[in-house]
N, C-alpha and C. Protein backbone atom coordinates (compact mmCIF):
# COMPACT_ATOMS: atom_id res chain seq x y z
N THR A 1 0.88 -0.95 -0.14
CA THR A 1 0.02 -0.30 0.01
C THR A 1 0.88 1.16 -0.05
N MET A 2 0.29 2.18 -0.44
CA MET A 2 1.24 3.41 -0.77
C MET A 2 0.73 4.81 0.56
N LYS A 3 2.18 4.73 0.85
CA LYS A 3 1.99 5.71 2.44
C LYS A 3 1.29 7.00 2.07
N ASN A 4 0.49 7.81 2.61
CA ASN A 4 0.19 8.64 2.70
C ASN A 4 0.95 9.93 2.61
N PRO A 5 1.50 10.59 1.29
CA PRO A 5 2.31 11.36 1.30
C PRO A 5 1.95 12.92 2.35
N VAL A 6 0.96 13.23 2.48
CA VAL A 6 0.09 14.51 2.99
C VAL A 6 1.21 14.53 4.47
N PRO A 7 1.11 13.62 5.55
CA PRO A 7 1.65 13.71 6.48
C PRO A 7 3.21 13.90 6.15
N GLN A 8 3.78 13.07 5.55
CA GLN A 8 5.35 13.22 5.19
C GLN A 8 5.97 14.83 4.29
N ALA A 9 4.99 15.27 3.84
CA ALA A 9 5.12 16.39 3.15
C ALA A 9 4.48 17.81 4.85
N ALA A 10 3.64 17.53 5.37
CA ALA A 10 3.71 18.24 6.37
C ALA A 10 4.90 18.31 7.60
N ALA A 11 5.32 16.90 7.82
CA ALA A 11 6.23 16.96 8.31
C ALA A 11 7.72 17.69 7.80
N LEU A 12 8.02 17.71 6.66
CA LEU A 12 9.23 18.52 5.58
C LEU A 12 8.70 19.89 6.05
N LEU A 13 7.67 20.38 5.60
CA LEU A 13 7.22 21.40 5.95
C LEU A 13 7.60 22.02 6.89
N LEU A 14 6.96 21.46 8.30
CA LEU A 14 7.82 21.82 9.60
C LEU A 14 8.62 21.87 9.69
N GLU A 15 10.18 20.84 9.14
CA GLU A 15 11.17 21.15 9.36
C GLU A 15 12.11 22.38 8.53
N LYS A 16 11.26 22.78 7.52
CA LYS A 16 11.77 23.68 6.47
C LYS A 16 11.35 25.06 7.28
N LEU A 17 10.42 24.78 7.64
CA LEU A 17 9.59 26.35 8.69
C LEU A 17 10.66 26.69 9.93
N LEU A 18 11.07 25.65 10.61
CA LEU A 18 12.39 25.94 11.71
C LEU A 18 13.67 26.02 11.04
N LEU A 19 13.74 26.18 10.09
CA LEU A 19 15.41 26.52 9.06
C LEU A 19 15.02 27.74 9.13
N LEU A 20 13.32 28.23 8.61
CA LEU A 20 13.68 29.61 7.71
C LEU A 20 13.65 30.66 9.53
N VAL A 21 13.27 29.88 10.54
CA VAL A 21 13.08 30.65 11.79
C VAL A 21 14.36 30.71 12.55
N HIS A 22 15.46 30.35 12.14
CA HIS A 22 16.33 29.88 12.84
C HIS A 22 16.52 29.46 14.33
N VAL A 23 15.13 28.52 14.70
CA VAL A 23 14.81 28.53 15.74
C VAL A 23 16.00 27.42 16.61
N ARG A 24 16.39 27.75 17.62
CA ARG A 24 17.51 26.80 18.19
C ARG A 24 16.37 26.10 19.17
N PRO A 25 16.78 24.65 19.70
CA PRO A 25 16.20 23.92 20.39
C PRO A 25 15.92 24.60 21.71
N LEU A 26 15.05 24.84 22.56
CA LEU A 26 14.73 24.89 23.94
C LEU A 26 14.82 23.91 25.15
N PRO A 27 15.29 24.10 26.08
CA PRO A 27 15.17 22.75 26.90
C PRO A 27 13.69 23.15 27.90
N ALA A 28 13.31 22.09 28.34
CA ALA A 28 12.17 21.98 28.52
C ALA A 28 11.98 22.81 30.22
N GLY A 29 10.63 23.51 29.87
CA GLY A 29 10.32 24.48 30.81
C GLY A 29 11.02 25.65 31.20
N SER A 30 11.73 26.45 29.44
CA SER A 30 12.27 27.46 29.38
C SER A 30 11.39 28.51 29.44
N GLY A 31 10.02 28.10 29.46
CA GLY A 31 8.89 29.42 29.27
C GLY A 31 9.12 30.16 27.67
N GLY A 32 9.97 29.63 26.96
CA GLY A 32 9.85 30.14 25.52
C GLY A 32 11.13 30.85 25.43
N GLU A 33 11.81 31.29 26.63
CA GLU A 33 13.19 31.78 26.03
C GLU A 33 14.22 31.15 26.55
N GLN A 34 15.10 31.82 25.63
CA GLN A 34 16.42 31.14 25.28
C GLN A 34 17.20 31.16 26.41
N PRO A 35 17.79 30.41 27.09
CA PRO A 35 19.12 30.38 28.25
C PRO A 35 20.21 30.90 27.52
N PRO A 36 21.15 31.88 28.34
CA PRO A 36 22.32 32.41 28.24
C PRO A 36 23.40 31.46 27.31
N PRO A 37 23.87 31.30 25.95
CA PRO A 37 24.95 30.47 25.28
C PRO A 37 25.58 29.65 26.53
N THR A 38 25.68 28.22 26.18
CA THR A 38 26.64 27.80 26.70
C THR A 38 28.09 28.12 26.84
N PRO A 39 28.82 28.16 27.53
CA PRO A 39 30.52 28.43 27.14
C PRO A 39 31.17 28.03 26.21
N ASP A 40 31.66 28.27 25.58
CA ASP A 40 32.55 27.48 24.83
C ASP A 40 33.58 28.36 24.08
N TYR A 41 35.05 28.33 24.18
CA TYR A 41 35.71 29.12 23.94
C TYR A 41 36.39 28.53 22.35
N HIS A 42 36.17 29.49 21.83
CA HIS A 42 37.34 29.02 20.47
C HIS A 42 38.71 30.17 20.37
N ASP A 43 39.16 29.28 20.12
CA ASP A 43 40.36 30.29 19.40
C ASP A 43 40.72 30.89 18.54
N THR A 44 40.35 32.15 18.91
CA THR A 44 40.02 33.23 17.56
C THR A 44 41.08 33.75 17.42
N SER A 45 42.40 33.48 17.55
CA SER A 45 43.81 33.38 16.66
C SER A 45 43.74 32.93 15.72
N CYS A 46 42.87 31.92 15.20
CA CYS A 46 43.29 31.46 13.77
C CYS A 46 42.56 32.23 12.74
N PHE A 47 41.42 33.23 13.40
CA PHE A 47 40.69 34.28 12.82
C PHE A 47 41.45 35.16 12.14
N GLN A 48 41.19 35.54 10.84
CA GLN A 48 41.38 36.73 10.29
C GLN A 48 39.98 37.77 9.80
N ARG A 49 40.32 39.05 10.33
CA ARG A 49 39.52 39.93 10.11
C ARG A 49 39.09 39.85 8.44
N GLY A 50 37.57 39.87 8.56
CA GLY A 50 37.50 39.51 7.23
C GLY A 50 36.62 37.97 6.85
N ASP A 51 37.27 36.95 7.58
CA ASP A 51 37.13 35.42 7.69
C ASP A 51 35.35 35.40 7.72
N LEU A 52 34.91 34.77 6.51
CA LEU A 52 33.34 34.31 6.73
C LEU A 52 33.49 32.83 7.50
N LEU A 53 32.35 33.30 8.80
CA LEU A 53 32.47 31.93 9.77
C LEU A 53 30.81 31.15 9.32
N GLU A 54 31.21 29.68 9.40
CA GLU A 54 29.62 29.18 9.80
C GLU A 54 29.72 28.67 10.75
N VAL A 55 28.88 28.31 10.85
CA VAL A 55 28.31 27.39 12.29
C VAL A 55 27.17 26.58 11.82
N PRO A 56 27.11 24.84 11.43
CA PRO A 56 26.27 23.91 10.85
C PRO A 56 25.48 23.90 12.42
N ARG A 57 24.15 23.47 11.68
CA ARG A 57 23.40 23.39 12.73
C ARG A 57 22.08 22.23 12.36
N THR A 58 21.46 21.45 13.17
CA THR A 58 20.66 20.53 12.84
C THR A 58 20.21 20.68 11.20
N LEU A 59 19.42 21.54 11.15
CA LEU A 59 18.45 22.32 9.75
C LEU A 59 19.02 23.33 9.37
N PHE A 60 19.85 24.10 9.34
CA PHE A 60 20.33 24.96 8.38
C PHE A 60 21.67 25.40 8.92
N ILE A 61 22.69 26.46 8.45
CA ILE A 61 23.91 26.92 8.61
C ILE A 61 23.48 28.13 9.02
N HIS A 62 24.28 28.53 9.91
CA HIS A 62 24.27 29.91 10.21
C HIS A 62 25.71 30.82 9.89
N PHE A 63 25.52 32.31 9.13
CA PHE A 63 26.72 32.63 8.74
C PHE A 63 27.21 34.38 9.36
N GLY A 64 28.43 34.44 9.59
CA GLY A 64 28.90 35.81 9.86
C GLY A 64 30.13 36.35 9.30
N ILE A 65 30.39 37.54 9.71
CA ILE A 65 31.67 37.93 9.14
C ILE A 65 33.18 38.25 10.15
N TYR A 66 33.65 37.66 10.81
CA TYR A 66 34.57 37.68 11.36
C TYR A 66 35.24 39.47 11.48
N LEU A 67 35.09 40.26 12.42
CA LEU A 67 35.84 42.03 12.57
C LEU A 67 36.84 41.92 13.46
N GLY A 68 37.50 40.61 13.80
CA GLY A 68 38.78 41.01 14.91
C GLY A 68 38.19 41.13 16.04
N GLU A 69 38.89 41.08 17.18
CA GLU A 69 39.11 41.25 18.76
C GLU A 69 37.53 40.91 19.07
N ASN A 70 37.64 39.40 18.43
CA ASN A 70 36.59 38.78 19.05
C ASN A 70 34.93 38.94 18.33
N ARG A 71 34.94 40.05 17.65
CA ARG A 71 33.19 40.20 17.39
C ARG A 71 33.15 39.66 16.03
N VAL A 72 32.38 39.46 15.63
CA VAL A 72 31.48 38.65 14.42
C VAL A 72 30.33 39.46 14.15
N ALA A 73 30.11 39.88 12.93
CA ALA A 73 28.97 40.82 12.10
C ALA A 73 27.68 39.46 11.67
N HIS A 74 26.66 39.50 11.91
CA HIS A 74 25.74 38.40 11.40
C HIS A 74 24.44 38.77 11.43
N LEU A 75 23.52 38.71 10.34
CA LEU A 75 22.31 39.03 10.39
C LEU A 75 21.14 38.08 10.83
N MET A 76 20.22 38.02 11.64
CA MET A 76 19.25 37.14 12.33
C MET A 76 18.03 38.50 12.15
N PRO A 77 16.77 37.77 12.04
CA PRO A 77 15.39 38.17 11.95
C PRO A 77 15.26 38.60 13.34
N ASP A 78 14.83 39.64 13.60
CA ASP A 78 14.58 40.26 15.21
C ASP A 78 13.53 41.40 14.87
N ILE A 79 12.27 41.49 15.88
CA ILE A 79 11.34 42.16 15.92
C ILE A 79 11.68 43.54 16.36
N LEU A 80 13.09 43.34 17.51
CA LEU A 80 12.95 44.47 18.23
C LEU A 80 13.18 45.81 17.57
N PRO A 81 14.07 45.62 16.20
CA PRO A 81 14.67 47.31 15.90
C PRO A 81 13.60 47.82 15.12
N ALA A 82 12.25 47.12 14.95
CA ALA A 82 11.51 47.81 14.89
C ALA A 82 10.21 48.74 15.17
N LEU A 83 10.91 48.20 16.56
CA LEU A 83 9.82 48.30 18.15
C LEU A 83 10.60 49.66 19.08
N THR A 84 11.96 49.58 19.24
CA THR A 84 12.53 50.28 19.44
C THR A 84 13.81 50.65 19.18
N GLY A 85 14.51 52.17 19.44
CA GLY A 85 15.92 52.33 18.58
C GLY A 85 17.18 52.54 20.04
N ASP A 86 16.33 51.33 21.31
CA ASP A 86 17.32 51.42 22.57
C ASP A 86 18.41 50.21 21.83
N ARG A 87 19.33 50.73 21.49
CA ARG A 87 20.78 49.84 21.36
C ARG A 87 20.99 48.56 22.11
N ARG A 88 21.01 49.02 23.55
CA ARG A 88 21.00 48.05 24.87
C ARG A 88 20.01 46.98 24.51
N GLN A 89 19.13 47.29 24.25
CA GLN A 89 17.71 46.23 24.50
C GLN A 89 17.96 45.66 23.13
N ILE A 90 18.09 46.31 21.94
CA ILE A 90 18.32 44.72 20.51
C ILE A 90 19.78 44.53 21.16
N GLN A 91 20.42 44.76 21.59
CA GLN A 91 21.82 44.00 21.79
C GLN A 91 21.78 42.73 22.29
N ARG A 92 21.09 42.57 23.33
CA ARG A 92 20.89 41.41 24.16
C ARG A 92 20.55 40.26 23.57
N VAL A 93 20.65 39.24 23.81
CA VAL A 93 20.63 37.84 23.11
C VAL A 93 19.15 37.54 22.53
N VAL A 94 19.37 37.57 21.39
CA VAL A 94 17.78 37.68 20.86
C VAL A 94 17.22 35.95 21.04
N THR A 95 16.37 36.49 21.64
CA THR A 95 15.04 35.24 22.22
C THR A 95 14.21 34.59 20.88
N ASN A 96 13.79 33.26 21.20
CA ASN A 96 12.75 32.64 19.95
C ASN A 96 11.79 33.13 19.84
N LYS A 97 11.32 34.23 20.44
CA LYS A 97 9.88 35.22 20.14
C LYS A 97 10.23 35.82 19.40
N ARG A 98 11.56 36.79 19.83
CA ARG A 98 11.71 37.83 18.96
C ARG A 98 12.00 37.29 17.44
N LEU A 99 12.82 36.19 17.14
CA LEU A 99 13.07 35.52 15.99
C LEU A 99 11.76 35.56 15.36
N ILE A 100 11.10 34.75 15.49
CA ILE A 100 9.60 34.59 14.93
C ILE A 100 9.37 35.42 14.69
N LEU A 101 8.84 36.46 15.58
CA LEU A 101 8.20 37.64 15.41
C LEU A 101 9.09 38.37 14.10
N GLY A 102 10.18 38.78 14.08
CA GLY A 102 10.67 39.11 12.90
C GLY A 102 10.70 38.46 11.78
N VAL A 103 10.70 37.12 11.63
CA VAL A 103 9.93 36.56 10.32
C VAL A 103 9.17 37.14 9.80
N ILE A 104 8.19 37.14 10.69
CA ILE A 104 6.44 37.25 10.20
C ILE A 104 6.54 38.89 9.96
N ALA A 105 7.01 39.57 10.51
CA ALA A 105 7.19 40.75 10.17
C ALA A 105 8.32 41.01 9.42
N ARG A 106 9.17 40.28 8.63
CA ARG A 106 10.31 40.28 7.59
C ARG A 106 11.30 41.72 8.29
N THR A 107 11.29 41.42 9.43
CA THR A 107 12.68 42.77 9.92
C THR A 107 13.64 41.72 10.60
N ALA A 108 15.08 42.42 10.36
CA ALA A 108 15.78 41.63 11.12
C ALA A 108 17.22 42.64 11.72
N SER A 109 17.79 42.30 11.95
CA SER A 109 19.17 43.38 12.02
C SER A 109 20.49 42.64 11.77
N ILE A 110 21.38 43.69 11.24
CA ILE A 110 22.96 43.08 11.25
C ILE A 110 23.37 43.14 12.56
N ARG A 111 24.21 42.35 13.40
CA ARG A 111 24.45 42.79 14.72
C ARG A 111 25.82 41.98 14.74
N VAL A 112 26.66 42.64 15.55
CA VAL A 112 27.58 42.13 15.90
C VAL A 112 27.89 41.33 17.38
N ASP A 113 28.14 40.28 17.70
CA ASP A 113 28.00 39.88 18.93
C ASP A 113 29.79 39.08 19.13
N THR A 114 29.77 38.57 20.18
CA THR A 114 30.83 37.94 20.23
C THR A 114 30.96 36.44 19.57
N VAL A 115 32.29 35.81 19.42
CA VAL A 115 32.11 34.50 18.64
C VAL A 115 31.63 33.51 19.49
N GLU A 116 31.35 33.61 20.80
CA GLU A 116 30.84 32.93 21.59
C GLU A 116 29.46 32.80 21.61
N ASP A 117 29.04 34.10 21.42
CA ASP A 117 27.08 34.21 21.11
C ASP A 117 26.74 33.94 19.72
N PHE A 118 27.72 34.24 18.73
CA PHE A 118 27.72 33.79 17.57
C PHE A 118 27.45 32.33 17.21
N ALA A 119 28.31 31.62 17.73
CA ALA A 119 28.40 30.23 17.69
C ALA A 119 27.38 29.42 18.16
N TYR A 120 26.84 29.82 19.53
CA TYR A 120 25.81 29.69 20.25
C TYR A 120 26.05 27.87 20.65
N GLY A 121 27.57 27.49 21.01
CA GLY A 121 27.93 26.04 21.47
C GLY A 121 28.37 25.16 20.40
N GLY A 122 28.02 25.92 18.96
CA GLY A 122 28.40 25.11 17.69
C GLY A 122 30.20 25.26 17.16
N SER A 123 29.89 24.06 16.38
CA SER A 123 31.59 24.30 16.07
C SER A 123 31.66 25.32 14.69
N ILE A 124 32.79 26.28 14.22
CA ILE A 124 32.74 26.65 13.50
C ILE A 124 33.68 26.19 12.35
N LEU A 125 33.50 26.76 10.96
CA LEU A 125 33.91 26.19 9.48
C LEU A 125 34.69 27.71 9.36
N VAL A 126 35.83 27.78 8.91
CA VAL A 126 36.20 29.15 8.04
C VAL A 126 36.77 29.23 6.46
N ASN A 127 36.29 30.23 6.42
CA ASN A 127 36.17 30.49 4.49
C ASN A 127 35.76 29.23 3.80
N HIS A 128 35.04 28.05 4.45
CA HIS A 128 34.62 27.01 3.80
C HIS A 128 34.13 27.16 2.03
N MET A 129 32.88 28.50 2.32
CA MET A 129 32.69 28.60 1.02
C MET A 129 33.73 29.37 0.11
N ASP A 130 34.55 29.56 0.34
CA ASP A 130 35.51 29.85 -0.64
C ASP A 130 36.02 29.14 -2.42
N ARG A 131 35.82 27.91 -1.70
CA ARG A 131 35.62 26.78 -2.54
C ARG A 131 34.83 26.69 -4.12
N LEU A 132 33.79 27.62 -3.36
CA LEU A 132 32.88 27.70 -4.50
C LEU A 132 32.79 28.98 -5.51
N PHE A 133 33.60 29.94 -4.94
CA PHE A 133 33.79 31.00 -5.54
C PHE A 133 34.83 31.62 -6.37
N GLU A 134 36.13 30.80 -5.65
CA GLU A 134 37.44 30.48 -6.15
C GLU A 134 37.78 32.36 -6.52
N ASP A 135 37.71 32.80 -7.93
CA ASP A 135 38.69 33.96 -7.69
C ASP A 135 37.62 35.60 -7.43
N GLN A 136 36.46 35.01 -6.98
CA GLN A 136 35.51 36.13 -6.94
C GLN A 136 35.89 36.53 -5.10
N VAL A 137 36.91 36.00 -4.82
CA VAL A 137 36.95 36.42 -3.05
C VAL A 137 37.51 37.44 -3.17
N LEU A 138 37.05 38.27 -2.39
CA LEU A 138 37.19 39.63 -1.87
C LEU A 138 38.49 40.12 -0.95
N GLY A 139 39.25 41.09 -1.09
CA GLY A 139 39.76 41.11 0.06
C GLY A 139 39.72 41.21 1.62
N SER A 140 40.43 40.87 2.53
CA SER A 140 39.72 40.25 3.66
C SER A 140 39.40 41.74 4.53
N GLU A 141 40.16 42.78 4.02
CA GLU A 141 39.83 43.99 4.62
C GLU A 141 38.49 45.05 4.07
N GLU A 142 38.34 44.60 2.95
CA GLU A 142 37.54 45.08 1.48
C GLU A 142 35.98 43.91 3.17
N ALA A 143 35.87 42.69 2.52
CA ALA A 143 34.77 41.68 3.23
C ALA A 143 34.09 42.70 4.80
N ALA A 144 35.39 43.20 5.63
CA ALA A 144 35.05 43.53 7.00
C ALA A 144 34.06 44.60 6.84
N ARG A 145 35.05 45.61 5.93
CA ARG A 145 34.67 47.21 5.79
C ARG A 145 32.88 46.71 5.23
N ARG A 146 32.74 46.40 4.52
CA ARG A 146 31.33 46.06 4.03
C ARG A 146 30.10 45.43 5.03
N ALA A 147 30.80 44.85 5.94
CA ALA A 147 29.72 44.05 6.80
C ALA A 147 29.83 45.21 7.91
N GLU A 148 30.66 45.75 8.40
CA GLU A 148 30.67 46.91 9.22
C GLU A 148 29.31 47.95 8.87
N LYS A 149 29.75 48.37 7.73
CA LYS A 149 28.87 49.45 6.89
C LYS A 149 27.34 49.15 6.95
N LEU A 150 26.82 47.65 6.99
CA LEU A 150 25.19 47.11 6.99
C LEU A 150 25.16 47.13 8.04
N VAL A 151 25.74 47.20 9.48
CA VAL A 151 25.25 46.76 10.65
C VAL A 151 24.41 47.65 11.16
N GLY A 152 23.25 47.24 11.63
CA GLY A 152 21.65 47.94 12.05
C GLY A 152 20.49 47.29 11.43
N ALA A 153 19.60 47.83 11.92
CA ALA A 153 18.35 47.17 11.14
C ALA A 153 18.13 46.99 9.80
N THR A 154 17.36 45.67 8.96
CA THR A 154 17.37 45.88 7.73
C THR A 154 16.30 44.85 7.61
N ALA A 155 15.57 44.61 6.79
CA ALA A 155 14.47 43.94 6.04
C ALA A 155 15.08 42.31 5.87
N TYR A 156 14.28 41.39 6.40
CA TYR A 156 14.39 40.45 6.16
C TYR A 156 13.68 39.14 5.60
N SER A 157 14.29 38.54 4.58
CA SER A 157 13.74 37.65 3.77
C SER A 157 14.37 35.94 3.11
N LEU A 158 13.73 35.23 3.67
CA LEU A 158 14.43 33.87 3.22
C LEU A 158 15.20 33.85 1.78
N LEU A 159 14.36 34.44 0.71
CA LEU A 159 14.99 34.10 -0.31
C LEU A 159 15.83 35.40 -0.71
N TRP A 160 15.62 36.75 -0.37
CA TRP A 160 16.27 37.80 -0.65
C TRP A 160 16.99 38.22 0.19
N ASN A 161 16.70 37.94 1.14
CA ASN A 161 18.07 38.52 2.57
C ASN A 161 18.04 37.97 3.53
N ASN A 162 19.26 36.67 3.89
CA ASN A 162 19.14 36.24 4.63
C ASN A 162 20.79 36.44 5.41
N CYS A 163 20.76 35.45 6.33
CA CYS A 163 22.40 35.63 6.66
C CYS A 163 23.39 35.24 5.87
N GLU A 164 22.73 34.28 4.93
CA GLU A 164 24.10 33.71 3.71
C GLU A 164 24.02 34.73 2.84
N HIS A 165 22.92 35.65 2.55
CA HIS A 165 23.16 36.87 1.42
C HIS A 165 24.01 37.44 2.07
N PHE A 166 24.15 37.88 3.13
CA PHE A 166 24.46 39.16 4.01
C PHE A 166 26.33 38.63 3.75
N VAL A 167 26.42 37.34 4.23
CA VAL A 167 28.29 37.17 4.33
C VAL A 167 28.27 36.78 2.74
N THR A 168 27.78 36.55 1.53
CA THR A 168 28.19 36.37 0.56
C THR A 168 28.61 37.47 -0.31
N TYR A 169 27.64 38.92 -0.01
CA TYR A 169 27.37 40.14 -0.61
C TYR A 169 28.96 40.49 -0.13
N CYS A 170 29.25 40.26 1.39
CA CYS A 170 30.66 40.85 2.29
C CYS A 170 31.76 40.31 1.42
N ARG A 171 32.06 39.12 1.55
CA ARG A 171 33.28 38.32 1.23
C ARG A 171 33.36 38.20 -0.35
N TYR A 172 31.91 37.98 -1.79
CA TYR A 172 32.49 37.67 -2.87
C TYR A 172 31.66 38.49 -3.43
N GLY A 173 31.08 39.68 -2.87
CA GLY A 173 30.04 40.69 -4.20
C GLY A 173 29.08 40.74 -4.54
N ALA A 174 28.50 39.10 -4.22
CA ALA A 174 27.25 38.98 -4.58
C ALA A 174 26.34 38.16 -3.87
N PRO A 175 25.68 38.76 -3.40
CA PRO A 175 24.41 38.16 -2.19
C PRO A 175 23.87 36.66 -3.28
N VAL A 176 24.41 35.61 -2.54
CA VAL A 176 23.73 34.40 -2.70
C VAL A 176 23.39 33.59 -1.58
N SER A 177 22.66 32.95 -2.09
CA SER A 177 21.65 31.51 -0.79
C SER A 177 22.05 30.59 -1.22
N PHE A 178 22.85 29.11 -1.07
CA PHE A 178 22.63 27.82 -1.69
C PHE A 178 21.90 27.49 -0.87
N GLN A 179 21.46 27.74 0.43
CA GLN A 179 20.27 27.24 1.23
C GLN A 179 19.42 27.69 0.92
N THR A 180 18.59 28.84 0.26
CA THR A 180 17.76 28.79 0.08
C THR A 180 17.24 27.98 -1.43
N ASP A 181 18.22 28.04 -2.07
CA ASP A 181 18.02 27.53 -3.26
C ASP A 181 17.75 26.01 -3.49
N LYS A 182 18.28 25.35 -2.41
CA LYS A 182 17.87 23.97 -1.97
C LYS A 182 16.43 24.15 -1.18
N PHE A 183 15.77 24.59 -0.50
CA PHE A 183 14.21 24.92 -0.11
C PHE A 183 13.93 25.01 -0.72
N CYS A 184 13.81 25.73 -2.15
CA CYS A 184 12.93 26.37 -3.10
C CYS A 184 12.82 24.77 -4.14
N GLU A 185 13.54 24.07 -4.44
CA GLU A 185 13.90 22.84 -4.73
C GLU A 185 13.01 22.14 -4.24
N THR A 186 12.95 21.75 -2.98
CA THR A 186 12.26 21.12 -2.00
C THR A 186 10.64 21.45 -2.45
N LEU A 187 10.60 22.72 -2.57
CA LEU A 187 9.15 23.54 -2.39
C LEU A 187 8.54 22.60 -3.85
N LYS A 188 9.10 23.21 -5.20
CA LYS A 188 8.78 22.65 -6.24
C LYS A 188 8.52 21.13 -6.36
N MET A 189 9.42 20.49 -5.80
CA MET A 189 8.82 19.15 -5.64
C MET A 189 7.83 18.77 -4.94
N ILE A 190 7.65 19.57 -4.00
CA ILE A 190 6.10 18.99 -3.26
C ILE A 190 4.95 19.54 -3.74
N ILE A 191 4.93 20.97 -4.80
CA ILE A 191 3.95 21.64 -5.27
C ILE A 191 3.77 20.82 -6.70
N ARG A 192 4.62 20.19 -7.24
CA ARG A 192 4.72 19.40 -8.13
C ARG A 192 3.79 17.71 -7.74
N ASP A 193 3.42 17.67 -6.86
CA ASP A 193 3.20 16.06 -6.79
C ASP A 193 1.60 16.41 -6.30
N GLN A 194 0.66 16.07 -6.73
CA GLN A 194 -0.55 16.54 -6.61
C GLN A 194 -1.27 15.76 -5.45
N ARG A 195 -0.72 14.84 -5.12
CA ARG A 195 -1.17 13.85 -4.04
C ARG A 195 -0.83 14.67 -2.88
N SER A 196 -0.11 15.75 -3.06
CA SER A 196 0.29 16.42 -1.65
C SER A 196 0.10 17.73 -1.89
N VAL A 197 -1.70 17.73 -2.56
CA VAL A 197 -1.91 19.29 -2.71
C VAL A 197 -1.96 20.05 -1.22
N LEU A 198 -2.46 19.53 -0.38
CA LEU A 198 -2.73 19.97 0.71
C LEU A 198 -1.28 20.89 1.85
N ALA A 199 -0.26 19.82 1.29
CA ALA A 199 0.61 20.41 1.70
C ALA A 199 1.25 21.66 1.14
N SER A 200 1.09 21.54 -0.53
CA SER A 200 1.60 22.73 -1.21
C SER A 200 0.86 23.90 -0.73
N VAL A 201 -0.80 23.64 -0.48
CA VAL A 201 -1.59 25.05 0.11
C VAL A 201 -0.57 25.59 1.06
N LEU A 202 -0.02 24.54 2.13
CA LEU A 202 0.38 25.26 3.26
C LEU A 202 1.41 25.74 2.88
N VAL A 203 2.20 25.17 2.33
CA VAL A 203 3.82 25.72 1.82
C VAL A 203 3.49 27.10 1.08
N GLY A 204 2.42 27.39 0.17
CA GLY A 204 2.00 28.70 -0.12
C GLY A 204 1.96 29.22 0.49
N LEU A 205 0.98 29.10 1.29
CA LEU A 205 0.82 30.40 2.61
C LEU A 205 1.83 30.61 3.69
N ALA A 206 2.76 29.92 3.95
CA ALA A 206 3.96 29.75 4.90
C ALA A 206 4.73 30.92 4.02
N SER A 207 4.64 30.56 2.60
CA SER A 207 6.00 31.25 1.66
C SER A 207 5.35 33.08 1.70
N ILE A 208 4.25 33.65 2.09
CA ILE A 208 3.59 34.65 1.48
C ILE A 208 3.85 35.11 3.04
N VAL A 209 3.45 34.84 4.50
CA VAL A 209 3.99 35.03 5.44
C VAL A 209 5.16 35.28 6.03
N CYS A 210 5.90 34.41 5.53
CA CYS A 210 7.75 34.21 6.27
C CYS A 210 8.74 34.75 4.58
N LEU A 211 8.21 34.28 3.74
CA LEU A 211 9.27 34.69 2.73
C LEU A 211 9.46 36.11 2.24
N GLY A 212 8.20 36.57 2.37
CA GLY A 212 8.31 38.14 1.65
C GLY A 212 7.59 37.86 0.07
N LEU A 213 6.89 36.76 -0.37
CA LEU A 213 6.77 36.73 -1.33
C LEU A 213 5.50 38.01 -2.26
N ALA A 214 5.82 38.50 -3.69
CA ALA A 214 4.58 39.18 -3.90
C ALA A 214 2.98 38.34 -3.97
N PRO A 215 2.15 38.74 -3.60
CA PRO A 215 1.02 37.54 -3.58
C PRO A 215 0.76 37.58 -4.61
N SER A 216 0.87 38.52 -5.68
CA SER A 216 0.21 38.05 -7.07
C SER A 216 0.90 37.40 -7.89
N THR A 217 2.03 36.93 -7.55
CA THR A 217 2.71 36.12 -8.18
C THR A 217 2.90 34.59 -7.56
N THR A 218 2.79 34.90 -6.35
CA THR A 218 2.62 33.26 -5.26
C THR A 218 1.35 33.05 -5.59
N LEU A 219 0.23 33.64 -5.24
CA LEU A 219 -0.96 33.04 -5.17
C LEU A 219 -1.13 31.93 -6.40
N PRO A 220 -1.17 32.39 -7.56
CA PRO A 220 -1.69 31.79 -8.43
C PRO A 220 -1.00 29.95 -8.50
N THR A 221 0.57 29.87 -7.89
CA THR A 221 1.68 28.82 -8.05
C THR A 221 0.64 28.12 -6.74
N ILE A 222 0.72 28.37 -6.05
CA ILE A 222 -0.41 27.47 -4.87
C ILE A 222 -1.51 26.85 -4.83
N PHE A 223 -2.23 27.34 -5.61
CA PHE A 223 -3.29 27.00 -6.06
C PHE A 223 -4.01 26.02 -7.11
N ILE A 224 -2.95 26.55 -8.25
CA ILE A 224 -3.09 25.68 -9.24
C ILE A 224 -2.96 24.29 -8.60
N PRO A 225 -2.00 23.76 -8.62
CA PRO A 225 -1.87 22.45 -7.95
C PRO A 225 -3.44 21.93 -7.17
N PHE A 226 -3.73 22.63 -6.29
CA PHE A 226 -5.24 22.86 -5.73
C PHE A 226 -6.61 22.78 -7.00
N PHE A 227 -6.54 23.29 -7.77
CA PHE A 227 -7.65 23.33 -8.73
C PHE A 227 -7.28 22.41 -9.73
N LEU A 228 -6.11 21.92 -9.77
CA LEU A 228 -5.78 20.88 -10.71
C LEU A 228 -6.85 19.44 -9.93
N TRP A 229 -6.08 19.41 -8.75
CA TRP A 229 -6.51 18.69 -7.92
C TRP A 229 -8.44 18.10 -8.03
N MET A 230 -8.88 19.44 -7.71
CA MET A 230 -10.21 19.36 -7.21
C MET A 230 -10.98 19.05 -8.62
N ALA A 231 -10.36 19.81 -9.95
CA ALA A 231 -11.34 18.91 -11.44
C ALA A 231 -10.73 17.90 -11.68
N GLY A 232 -9.51 17.29 -11.07
CA GLY A 232 -9.06 15.60 -11.40
C GLY A 232 -10.11 14.79 -10.61
């Protein structure tokens, strides 16, 4: 017997939505707020100003640009810059609630944190993406200066302006997101499968809310499989 594809697609959708909001798992009884990062001391002597840092996580990779002196610039969804100009409040560790509301409101901040806060207990890869760009790598000082100029509030979109777009612009001169490309391919696979029509609609609606797509271009794509399914 053929397995029902809708629960599988729904599970995949949930996994990808977690990727969108960069949610980090919270321990039971945390009340929805993130605890302080677990101390994790990285040897910053091997980092150079302008390096591209990657922190692989379960469902995504988080990116930043090393500025020197244990500082990393990175882009994170965050609702707070849209609500207040108080830098001390904004600079506090971003909670899951702030992350999710930032995704929904499509607001973010390019912030400067310590290496430990940026890594959040994860391992760090250095300039791992250079192999994909080869001759496009800018000078280290140029990359760092680009990052510093962009620090502050910014718009957020998984498709057009996420943490990977930020670092690839700074280090390689062009905003690119391979994670986004992979996610979009997964979307296409789900939408092409008429048996997963419910998941297709859910994915489309989630795209409108979370990804910042124009409804005029997105709605037909969402509902074409639905209408075909109804007609069939």
